[in-house]
Amino acid sequence: MAILLIFMFLFAVATWLLASRRGRHGGLWFGIGLFLGPFALLAVAALPPVPPISRP
């Protein structure tokens, strides 16, 4: 059981880091990654990066 919790946490952290680097909300993706594990990691990897907002 402890190994499952460790893997859930590791997938959540990996999803959070990838989402943050791609311009998405890391905290939200951490929660999604905590429950969906590798599926959330694949989902955030498949999404295009958020373009930066250009201000005049």
N, C-alpha and C. Protein backbone atom coordinates (compact mmCIF):
# COMPACT_ATOMS: atom_id res chain seq x y z
N MET A 1 0.82 -1.19 0.00
CA MET A 1 0.00 0.00 0.00
C MET A 1 0.87 1.26 0.00
N ALA A 2 1.97 1.22 0.75
CA ALA A 2 2.84 2.39 0.82
C ALA A 2 3.49 2.68 -0.53
N ILE A 3 3.79 1.63 -1.28
CA ILE A 3 4.40 1.82 -2.60
C ILE A 3 3.42 2.51 -3.54
N LEU A 4 2.16 2.15 -3.46
CA LEU A 4 1.13 2.80 -4.28
C LEU A 4 1.05 4.29 -3.96
N LEU A 5 1.08 4.65 -2.70
CA LEU A 5 1.04 6.06 -2.31
C LEU A 5 2.27 6.81 -2.78
N ILE A 6 3.42 6.17 -2.74
CA ILE A 6 4.65 6.80 -3.22
C ILE A 6 4.55 7.07 -4.72
N PHE A 7 4.08 6.07 -5.48
CA PHE A 7 3.94 6.27 -6.92
C PHE A 7 2.90 7.34 -7.26
N MET A 8 1.81 7.38 -6.51
CA MET A 8 0.80 8.42 -6.73
C MET A 8 1.41 9.80 -6.51
N PHE A 9 2.19 9.94 -5.45
CA PHE A 9 2.81 11.23 -5.16
C PHE A 9 3.85 11.59 -6.22
N LEU A 10 4.64 10.62 -6.68
CA LEU A 10 5.65 10.90 -7.71
C LEU A 10 5.01 11.32 -9.03
N PHE A 11 3.93 10.67 -9.41
CA PHE A 11 3.23 11.08 -10.63
C PHE A 11 2.63 12.47 -10.47
N ALA A 12 2.13 12.78 -9.29
CA ALA A 12 1.56 14.11 -9.05
C ALA A 12 2.64 15.18 -9.16
N VAL A 13 3.81 14.93 -8.61
CA VAL A 13 4.91 15.91 -8.68
C VAL A 13 5.39 16.07 -10.12
N ALA A 14 5.53 14.96 -10.84
CA ALA A 14 5.96 15.04 -12.24
C ALA A 14 4.94 15.81 -13.08
N THR A 15 3.67 15.59 -12.84
CA THR A 15 2.62 16.31 -13.58
C THR A 15 2.65 17.79 -13.24
N TRP A 16 2.85 18.12 -11.97
CA TRP A 16 2.94 19.51 -11.53
C TRP A 16 4.10 20.22 -12.20
N LEU A 17 5.27 19.59 -12.24
CA LEU A 17 6.44 20.22 -12.84
C LEU A 17 6.25 20.43 -14.34
N LEU A 18 5.74 19.42 -15.03
CA LEU A 18 5.53 19.55 -16.47
C LEU A 18 4.48 20.62 -16.78
N ALA A 19 3.42 20.65 -16.01
CA ALA A 19 2.37 21.65 -16.24
C ALA A 19 2.91 23.06 -15.99
N SER A 20 3.69 23.23 -14.96
CA SER A 20 4.26 24.56 -14.66
C SER A 20 5.18 25.03 -15.78
N ARG A 21 5.97 24.14 -16.30
CA ARG A 21 6.90 24.50 -17.39
C ARG A 21 6.18 24.81 -18.68
N ARG A 22 4.98 24.27 -18.85
CA ARG A 22 4.23 24.51 -20.08
C ARG A 22 3.22 25.65 -19.93
N GLY A 23 3.28 26.38 -18.81
CA GLY A 23 2.45 27.55 -18.63
C GLY A 23 1.06 27.26 -18.08
N ARG A 24 0.87 26.12 -17.52
CA ARG A 24 -0.44 25.75 -16.97
C ARG A 24 -0.41 25.86 -15.46
N HIS A 25 -1.54 25.77 -14.81
CA HIS A 25 -1.65 25.91 -13.36
C HIS A 25 -1.14 24.63 -12.69
N GLY A 26 0.02 24.73 -12.05
CA GLY A 26 0.66 23.56 -11.48
C GLY A 26 -0.10 22.92 -10.34
N GLY A 27 -0.70 23.75 -9.47
CA GLY A 27 -1.44 23.21 -8.34
C GLY A 27 -2.64 22.38 -8.75
N LEU A 28 -3.35 22.86 -9.76
CA LEU A 28 -4.50 22.12 -10.26
C LEU A 28 -4.05 20.79 -10.86
N TRP A 29 -2.98 20.83 -11.64
CA TRP A 29 -2.49 19.60 -12.26
C TRP A 29 -1.87 18.66 -11.25
N PHE A 30 -1.37 19.18 -10.13
CA PHE A 30 -0.89 18.31 -9.06
C PHE A 30 -2.04 17.47 -8.52
N GLY A 31 -3.18 18.11 -8.28
CA GLY A 31 -4.35 17.38 -7.79
C GLY A 31 -4.86 16.36 -8.79
N ILE A 32 -4.88 16.74 -10.05
CA ILE A 32 -5.31 15.81 -11.09
C ILE A 32 -4.34 14.64 -11.17
N GLY A 33 -3.04 14.94 -11.11
CA GLY A 33 -2.03 13.89 -11.16
C GLY A 33 -2.08 12.97 -9.96
N LEU A 34 -2.50 13.49 -8.82
CA LEU A 34 -2.60 12.67 -7.62
C LEU A 34 -3.67 11.60 -7.78
N PHE A 35 -4.76 11.93 -8.46
CA PHE A 35 -5.85 10.97 -8.62
C PHE A 35 -5.74 10.13 -9.90
N LEU A 36 -5.21 10.72 -10.97
CA LEU A 36 -5.19 9.99 -12.24
C LEU A 36 -3.82 9.43 -12.60
N GLY A 37 -2.79 9.82 -11.89
CA GLY A 37 -1.45 9.26 -12.07
C GLY A 37 -0.90 9.45 -13.47
N PRO A 38 -0.51 8.35 -14.11
CA PRO A 38 0.14 8.47 -15.42
C PRO A 38 -0.77 9.04 -16.51
N PHE A 39 -2.07 8.90 -16.34
CA PHE A 39 -2.99 9.43 -17.34
C PHE A 39 -2.95 10.97 -17.35
N ALA A 40 -2.83 11.56 -16.18
CA ALA A 40 -2.72 13.02 -16.09
C ALA A 40 -1.40 13.49 -16.68
N LEU A 41 -0.34 12.75 -16.44
CA LEU A 41 0.96 13.11 -17.01
C LEU A 41 0.92 13.06 -18.52
N LEU A 42 0.30 12.05 -19.08
CA LEU A 42 0.16 11.98 -20.54
C LEU A 42 -0.73 13.09 -21.07
N ALA A 43 -1.77 13.43 -20.34
CA ALA A 43 -2.69 14.49 -20.78
C ALA A 43 -1.99 15.84 -20.83
N VAL A 44 -1.24 16.18 -19.79
CA VAL A 44 -0.58 17.48 -19.78
C VAL A 44 0.57 17.51 -20.79
N ALA A 45 1.16 16.37 -21.07
CA ALA A 45 2.20 16.32 -22.09
C ALA A 45 1.62 16.50 -23.49
N ALA A 46 0.39 16.05 -23.69
CA ALA A 46 -0.25 16.16 -25.01
C ALA A 46 -0.81 17.55 -25.28
N LEU A 47 -1.08 18.31 -24.23
CA LEU A 47 -1.64 19.65 -24.42
C LEU A 47 -0.55 20.61 -24.94
N PRO A 48 -0.94 21.54 -25.80
CA PRO A 48 0.05 22.52 -26.27
C PRO A 48 0.39 23.51 -25.17
N PRO A 49 1.62 24.06 -25.20
CA PRO A 49 1.97 25.06 -24.20
C PRO A 49 1.10 26.31 -24.33
N VAL A 50 0.87 26.97 -23.20
CA VAL A 50 0.09 28.20 -23.21
C VAL A 50 1.01 29.33 -23.68
N PRO A 51 0.62 30.05 -24.73
CA PRO A 51 1.47 31.15 -25.20
C PRO A 51 1.50 32.29 -24.18
N PRO A 52 2.64 32.95 -24.05
CA PRO A 52 2.70 34.08 -23.12
C PRO A 52 1.83 35.25 -23.60
N ILE A 53 1.30 35.99 -22.65
CA ILE A 53 0.45 37.15 -22.96
C ILE A 53 1.34 38.32 -23.30
N SER A 54 1.14 38.89 -24.48
CA SER A 54 1.92 40.08 -24.85
C SER A 54 1.12 41.32 -24.46
N ARG A 55 1.77 42.19 -23.75
CA ARG A 55 1.13 43.43 -23.29
C ARG A 55 1.68 44.61 -24.09
N PRO A 56 0.78 45.51 -24.48
CA PRO A 56 1.26 46.67 -25.27
C PRO A 56 2.05 47.67 -24.46
